[in-house]
């Protein structure tokens, strides 16, 4: 099992930036595709971004392309989500998770973290 802990969330004004981290323990994340998802009240958990084991390929939801960037440092056993040009609609709890395949659906991911709140004020 992999334990994941997200951090870096907070309150930011529209147009601002945040960098989320996802620190793993228990197993090396180099064995997994890493994904970021988000969930706001009353909505289903939605895909944000994913990155392959080596970091060579990334995938993004259309709503975040060009503003959010996923990365990973396997040596530090940590994944990241750099969030720029934030919008109020980005407000949500952000989760990281692992998968054995390169998917954008939450049901294919396991080993979820507890989430970190991101709030973007207008």
N, C-alpha and C. Protein backbone atom coordinates (compact mmCIF):
# COMPACT_ATOMS: atom_id res chain seq x y z
N UNK A 1 0.83 -1.19 0.00
CA UNK A 1 0.00 0.00 0.00
C UNK A 1 0.87 1.25 0.00
N UNK A 2 0.36 2.26 -0.65
CA UNK A 2 1.02 3.55 -0.68
C UNK A 2 0.18 4.53 0.12
N UNK A 3 0.80 5.25 1.02
CA UNK A 3 0.11 6.31 1.75
C UNK A 3 0.48 7.65 1.10
N UNK A 4 -0.55 8.44 0.85
CA UNK A 4 -0.37 9.73 0.17
C UNK A 4 -0.84 10.87 1.05
N UNK A 5 -0.07 11.93 1.10
CA UNK A 5 -0.45 13.11 1.87
C UNK A 5 -0.29 14.35 1.00
N UNK A 6 -1.41 15.02 0.75
CA UNK A 6 -1.38 16.25 -0.04
C UNK A 6 -1.14 17.45 0.88
N UNK A 7 -0.50 18.46 0.32
CA UNK A 7 -0.28 19.72 1.05
C UNK A 7 -0.16 20.85 0.04
N UNK A 8 -0.18 22.08 0.56
CA UNK A 8 0.03 23.24 -0.30
C UNK A 8 -1.22 24.01 -0.66
N UNK A 9 -2.37 23.50 -0.25
CA UNK A 9 -3.60 24.21 -0.53
C UNK A 9 -3.72 25.48 0.29
N UNK A 10 -4.73 26.27 -0.02
CA UNK A 10 -4.95 27.50 0.73
C UNK A 10 -5.90 28.42 0.02
N UNK A 11 -5.95 29.66 0.50
CA UNK A 11 -6.80 30.70 -0.08
C UNK A 11 -5.95 31.62 -0.94
N UNK A 12 -6.38 31.84 -2.16
CA UNK A 12 -5.63 32.68 -3.08
C UNK A 12 -6.60 33.50 -3.91
N UNK A 13 -6.18 34.68 -4.33
CA UNK A 13 -7.03 35.50 -5.19
C UNK A 13 -6.99 35.00 -6.62
N UNK A 14 -8.03 35.28 -7.36
CA UNK A 14 -8.07 34.92 -8.77
C UNK A 14 -6.84 35.48 -9.48
N UNK A 15 -6.26 34.65 -10.34
CA UNK A 15 -5.04 35.03 -11.03
C UNK A 15 -3.77 34.62 -10.31
N UNK A 16 -3.92 34.16 -9.07
CA UNK A 16 -2.77 33.76 -8.28
C UNK A 16 -2.32 32.34 -8.56
N UNK A 17 -1.34 31.90 -7.77
CA UNK A 17 -0.73 30.59 -7.98
C UNK A 17 -0.61 29.82 -6.68
N UNK A 18 -0.63 28.52 -6.79
CA UNK A 18 -0.36 27.61 -5.69
C UNK A 18 0.41 26.41 -6.25
N UNK A 19 1.17 25.76 -5.38
CA UNK A 19 1.83 24.52 -5.75
C UNK A 19 1.44 23.45 -4.75
N UNK A 20 0.74 22.45 -5.23
CA UNK A 20 0.35 21.34 -4.39
C UNK A 20 1.41 20.25 -4.45
N UNK A 21 1.60 19.60 -3.31
CA UNK A 21 2.52 18.46 -3.24
C UNK A 21 1.76 17.23 -2.79
N UNK A 22 2.23 16.09 -3.23
CA UNK A 22 1.67 14.80 -2.85
C UNK A 22 2.83 13.91 -2.43
N UNK A 23 3.04 13.79 -1.14
CA UNK A 23 4.15 13.01 -0.61
C UNK A 23 3.70 11.58 -0.34
N UNK A 24 4.47 10.64 -0.84
CA UNK A 24 4.12 9.22 -0.71
C UNK A 24 5.05 8.52 0.26
N UNK A 25 4.51 7.50 0.91
CA UNK A 25 5.31 6.63 1.76
C UNK A 25 4.77 5.21 1.65
N UNK A 26 5.58 4.27 2.07
CA UNK A 26 5.17 2.87 2.01
C UNK A 26 5.71 2.14 0.80
N UNK A 27 5.57 2.75 -0.37
CA UNK A 27 6.11 2.19 -1.61
C UNK A 27 6.57 3.33 -2.49
N UNK A 28 7.43 3.00 -3.43
CA UNK A 28 7.89 4.03 -4.34
C UNK A 28 6.83 4.34 -5.39
N UNK A 29 6.65 5.64 -5.66
CA UNK A 29 5.66 6.01 -6.66
C UNK A 29 6.13 5.74 -8.09
N UNK A 30 7.39 5.39 -8.24
CA UNK A 30 7.89 5.11 -9.59
C UNK A 30 7.17 3.92 -10.23
N UNK A 31 6.48 3.13 -9.40
CA UNK A 31 5.72 1.99 -9.92
C UNK A 31 4.33 2.38 -10.42
N UNK A 32 3.96 3.66 -10.26
CA UNK A 32 2.58 4.06 -10.50
C UNK A 32 2.46 5.29 -11.41
N UNK A 33 1.38 5.31 -12.15
CA UNK A 33 0.90 6.56 -12.73
C UNK A 33 0.33 7.38 -11.57
N UNK A 34 0.59 8.68 -11.61
CA UNK A 34 0.05 9.56 -10.57
C UNK A 34 -1.02 10.46 -11.18
N UNK A 35 -2.08 10.68 -10.44
CA UNK A 35 -3.15 11.54 -10.91
C UNK A 35 -3.58 12.54 -9.86
N UNK A 36 -4.10 13.66 -10.33
CA UNK A 36 -4.73 14.65 -9.46
C UNK A 36 -6.21 14.77 -9.86
N UNK A 37 -7.04 14.81 -8.85
CA UNK A 37 -8.47 14.97 -9.05
C UNK A 37 -8.94 16.08 -8.12
N UNK A 38 -10.16 16.57 -8.35
CA UNK A 38 -10.71 17.58 -7.46
C UNK A 38 -12.21 17.35 -7.31
N UNK A 39 -12.71 17.83 -6.19
CA UNK A 39 -14.14 17.69 -5.91
C UNK A 39 -14.62 18.92 -5.16
N UNK A 40 -15.68 19.51 -5.66
CA UNK A 40 -16.31 20.65 -5.00
C UNK A 40 -17.68 20.20 -4.49
N UNK A 41 -18.25 20.92 -3.53
CA UNK A 41 -19.52 20.50 -2.92
C UNK A 41 -20.62 20.27 -3.95
N UNK A 42 -21.28 19.14 -3.83
CA UNK A 42 -22.39 18.83 -4.71
C UNK A 42 -22.00 18.29 -6.07
N UNK A 43 -20.71 18.15 -6.30
CA UNK A 43 -20.24 17.67 -7.60
C UNK A 43 -19.45 16.37 -7.44
N UNK A 44 -19.37 15.63 -8.53
CA UNK A 44 -18.58 14.41 -8.53
C UNK A 44 -17.10 14.75 -8.60
N UNK A 45 -16.30 13.81 -8.13
CA UNK A 45 -14.86 13.98 -8.23
C UNK A 45 -14.47 13.99 -9.71
N UNK A 46 -13.67 14.96 -10.12
CA UNK A 46 -13.32 15.07 -11.53
C UNK A 46 -11.82 15.02 -11.74
N UNK A 47 -11.45 14.50 -12.87
CA UNK A 47 -10.05 14.38 -13.28
C UNK A 47 -9.46 15.76 -13.53
N UNK A 48 -8.22 15.94 -13.07
CA UNK A 48 -7.49 17.18 -13.33
C UNK A 48 -6.29 16.91 -14.23
N UNK A 49 -5.44 15.98 -13.81
CA UNK A 49 -4.21 15.72 -14.57
C UNK A 49 -3.63 14.37 -14.16
N UNK A 50 -2.83 13.81 -15.05
CA UNK A 50 -2.12 12.58 -14.74
C UNK A 50 -0.75 12.61 -15.40
N UNK A 51 0.14 11.77 -14.89
CA UNK A 51 1.51 11.72 -15.39
C UNK A 51 2.00 10.28 -15.34
N UNK A 52 2.69 9.87 -16.39
CA UNK A 52 3.17 8.50 -16.47
C UNK A 52 4.31 8.26 -15.48
N UNK A 53 4.68 7.00 -15.34
CA UNK A 53 5.68 6.62 -14.33
C UNK A 53 6.99 7.38 -14.47
N UNK A 54 7.43 7.57 -15.69
CA UNK A 54 8.70 8.25 -15.93
C UNK A 54 8.56 9.77 -15.96
N UNK A 55 7.31 10.23 -16.07
CA UNK A 55 7.07 11.66 -16.22
C UNK A 55 7.13 12.12 -17.67
N UNK A 56 7.27 11.18 -18.58
CA UNK A 56 7.43 11.55 -19.98
C UNK A 56 6.15 11.99 -20.67
N UNK A 57 5.02 11.59 -20.14
CA UNK A 57 3.74 11.97 -20.73
C UNK A 57 2.80 12.48 -19.65
N UNK A 58 2.03 13.49 -20.04
CA UNK A 58 1.05 14.06 -19.12
C UNK A 58 -0.28 14.23 -19.85
N UNK A 59 -1.34 14.28 -19.06
CA UNK A 59 -2.67 14.46 -19.61
C UNK A 59 -3.43 15.43 -18.70
N UNK A 60 -4.26 16.29 -19.31
CA UNK A 60 -4.97 17.31 -18.54
C UNK A 60 -6.43 17.38 -18.95
N UNK A 61 -7.25 17.77 -17.99
CA UNK A 61 -8.62 18.15 -18.31
C UNK A 61 -8.60 19.42 -19.13
N UNK A 62 -9.55 19.55 -20.04
CA UNK A 62 -9.57 20.74 -20.90
C UNK A 62 -9.66 22.03 -20.08
N UNK A 63 -10.34 21.97 -18.95
CA UNK A 63 -10.58 23.16 -18.14
C UNK A 63 -9.31 23.70 -17.48
N UNK A 64 -8.25 22.91 -17.43
CA UNK A 64 -7.03 23.35 -16.74
C UNK A 64 -5.82 23.44 -17.67
N UNK A 65 -5.97 23.02 -18.91
CA UNK A 65 -4.84 23.05 -19.84
C UNK A 65 -4.26 24.45 -19.96
N UNK A 66 -2.94 24.51 -19.90
CA UNK A 66 -2.26 25.79 -20.03
C UNK A 66 -2.13 26.57 -18.73
N UNK A 67 -2.81 26.10 -17.68
CA UNK A 67 -2.75 26.79 -16.39
C UNK A 67 -2.18 25.91 -15.28
N UNK A 68 -2.48 24.62 -15.31
CA UNK A 68 -1.99 23.69 -14.30
C UNK A 68 -0.97 22.75 -14.91
N UNK A 69 0.05 22.42 -14.16
CA UNK A 69 1.10 21.55 -14.63
C UNK A 69 1.40 20.47 -13.61
N UNK A 70 1.30 19.22 -14.03
CA UNK A 70 1.63 18.09 -13.15
C UNK A 70 3.08 17.69 -13.37
N UNK A 71 3.74 17.31 -12.30
CA UNK A 71 5.12 16.83 -12.40
C UNK A 71 5.36 15.83 -11.27
N UNK A 72 6.51 15.21 -11.32
CA UNK A 72 6.84 14.24 -10.28
C UNK A 72 8.34 14.19 -10.08
N UNK A 73 8.75 13.83 -8.88
CA UNK A 73 10.15 13.60 -8.56
C UNK A 73 10.20 12.24 -7.87
N UNK A 74 10.51 11.21 -8.65
CA UNK A 74 10.49 9.86 -8.09
C UNK A 74 11.55 9.68 -7.00
N UNK A 75 12.64 10.39 -7.09
CA UNK A 75 13.67 10.30 -6.06
C UNK A 75 13.17 10.81 -4.71
N UNK A 76 12.27 11.80 -4.77
CA UNK A 76 11.69 12.35 -3.54
C UNK A 76 10.35 11.69 -3.21
N UNK A 77 9.93 10.76 -4.06
CA UNK A 77 8.65 10.07 -3.86
C UNK A 77 7.49 11.05 -3.72
N UNK A 78 7.50 12.06 -4.58
CA UNK A 78 6.53 13.14 -4.48
C UNK A 78 6.04 13.55 -5.87
N UNK A 79 4.76 13.84 -5.94
CA UNK A 79 4.17 14.41 -7.14
C UNK A 79 3.71 15.84 -6.83
N UNK A 80 3.58 16.64 -7.88
CA UNK A 80 3.25 18.05 -7.71
C UNK A 80 2.17 18.47 -8.68
N UNK A 81 1.49 19.54 -8.32
CA UNK A 81 0.55 20.19 -9.23
C UNK A 81 0.77 21.70 -9.09
N UNK A 82 1.42 22.28 -10.10
CA UNK A 82 1.62 23.73 -10.14
C UNK A 82 0.37 24.36 -10.74
N UNK A 83 -0.20 25.29 -9.99
CA UNK A 83 -1.47 25.89 -10.39
C UNK A 83 -1.26 27.38 -10.60
N UNK A 84 -1.39 27.84 -11.83
CA UNK A 84 -1.23 29.25 -12.17
C UNK A 84 -2.54 29.80 -12.73
N UNK A 85 -2.63 31.12 -12.74
CA UNK A 85 -3.82 31.79 -13.29
C UNK A 85 -5.10 31.19 -12.74
N UNK A 86 -5.15 31.03 -11.44
CA UNK A 86 -6.28 30.35 -10.82
C UNK A 86 -7.57 31.15 -10.97
N UNK A 87 -8.66 30.41 -11.09
CA UNK A 87 -9.99 30.99 -11.25
C UNK A 87 -10.89 30.54 -10.09
N UNK A 88 -11.92 31.29 -9.79
CA UNK A 88 -12.84 30.86 -8.72
C UNK A 88 -13.40 29.46 -8.94
N UNK A 89 -13.59 29.08 -10.20
CA UNK A 89 -14.13 27.74 -10.48
C UNK A 89 -13.13 26.63 -10.22
N UNK A 90 -11.90 26.97 -9.89
CA UNK A 90 -10.91 25.97 -9.49
C UNK A 90 -11.05 25.60 -8.01
N UNK A 91 -11.90 26.31 -7.30
CA UNK A 91 -12.11 26.02 -5.87
C UNK A 91 -12.64 24.61 -5.68
N UNK A 92 -11.92 23.83 -4.87
CA UNK A 92 -12.28 22.42 -4.64
C UNK A 92 -11.29 21.82 -3.65
N UNK A 93 -11.60 20.61 -3.22
CA UNK A 93 -10.61 19.79 -2.52
C UNK A 93 -9.85 19.01 -3.59
N UNK A 94 -8.54 19.07 -3.54
CA UNK A 94 -7.69 18.41 -4.52
C UNK A 94 -7.08 17.15 -3.90
N UNK A 95 -7.18 16.06 -4.65
CA UNK A 95 -6.68 14.77 -4.21
C UNK A 95 -5.64 14.23 -5.19
N UNK A 96 -4.64 13.55 -4.66
CA UNK A 96 -3.75 12.78 -5.53
C UNK A 96 -4.04 11.30 -5.32
N UNK A 97 -3.68 10.51 -6.32
CA UNK A 97 -3.97 9.08 -6.26
C UNK A 97 -3.03 8.34 -7.20
N UNK A 98 -2.92 7.04 -7.00
CA UNK A 98 -2.08 6.21 -7.85
C UNK A 98 -2.92 5.30 -8.72
N UNK A 99 -2.34 4.92 -9.83
CA UNK A 99 -2.98 3.97 -10.73
C UNK A 99 -1.92 3.11 -11.39
N UNK A 100 -2.33 1.92 -11.78
CA UNK A 100 -1.42 1.05 -12.52
C UNK A 100 -1.51 1.29 -14.02
N UNK A 101 -2.48 2.10 -14.43
CA UNK A 101 -2.65 2.43 -15.84
C UNK A 101 -2.81 3.93 -16.03
N UNK A 102 -2.71 4.34 -17.28
CA UNK A 102 -2.75 5.77 -17.62
C UNK A 102 -4.18 6.13 -17.97
N UNK A 103 -4.96 6.50 -16.93
CA UNK A 103 -6.38 6.73 -17.08
C UNK A 103 -6.76 8.13 -16.60
N UNK A 104 -7.95 8.56 -16.98
CA UNK A 104 -8.46 9.82 -16.44
C UNK A 104 -9.78 9.63 -15.72
N UNK A 105 -10.06 8.40 -15.30
CA UNK A 105 -11.27 8.11 -14.55
C UNK A 105 -10.91 7.70 -13.14
N UNK A 106 -11.62 8.27 -12.17
CA UNK A 106 -11.29 8.04 -10.77
C UNK A 106 -11.40 6.57 -10.37
N UNK A 107 -12.30 5.83 -11.03
CA UNK A 107 -12.50 4.44 -10.60
C UNK A 107 -11.28 3.56 -10.90
N UNK A 108 -10.36 4.03 -11.71
CA UNK A 108 -9.15 3.26 -12.00
C UNK A 108 -7.99 3.63 -11.08
N UNK A 109 -8.25 4.50 -10.12
CA UNK A 109 -7.21 4.93 -9.20
C UNK A 109 -7.49 4.39 -7.80
N UNK A 110 -6.44 4.10 -7.07
CA UNK A 110 -6.56 3.72 -5.68
C UNK A 110 -5.50 4.47 -4.89
N UNK A 111 -5.35 4.15 -3.62
CA UNK A 111 -4.38 4.82 -2.76
C UNK A 111 -4.56 6.33 -2.78
N UNK A 112 -5.72 6.78 -2.38
CA UNK A 112 -6.04 8.21 -2.36
C UNK A 112 -5.50 8.88 -1.11
N UNK A 113 -5.12 10.16 -1.27
CA UNK A 113 -4.77 10.97 -0.12
C UNK A 113 -6.03 11.55 0.52
N UNK A 114 -5.83 12.35 1.56
CA UNK A 114 -6.97 12.91 2.29
C UNK A 114 -7.47 14.22 1.68
N UNK A 115 -6.69 14.77 0.77
CA UNK A 115 -7.11 15.98 0.07
C UNK A 115 -6.60 17.25 0.72
N UNK A 116 -6.50 18.30 -0.10
CA UNK A 116 -6.12 19.62 0.39
C UNK A 116 -7.05 20.64 -0.25
N UNK A 117 -7.55 21.57 0.56
CA UNK A 117 -8.53 22.54 0.09
C UNK A 117 -7.85 23.69 -0.65
N UNK A 118 -8.38 23.99 -1.82
CA UNK A 118 -7.96 25.16 -2.59
C UNK A 118 -9.17 26.06 -2.75
N UNK A 119 -9.04 27.31 -2.32
CA UNK A 119 -10.12 28.27 -2.44
C UNK A 119 -9.61 29.49 -3.20
N UNK A 120 -10.29 29.83 -4.29
CA UNK A 120 -9.89 30.96 -5.12
C UNK A 120 -10.98 32.03 -5.02
N UNK A 121 -10.60 33.17 -4.51
CA UNK A 121 -11.57 34.26 -4.35
C UNK A 121 -11.56 35.17 -5.57
N UNK A 122 -12.71 35.72 -5.86
CA UNK A 122 -12.82 36.59 -7.05
C UNK A 122 -12.51 38.04 -6.70
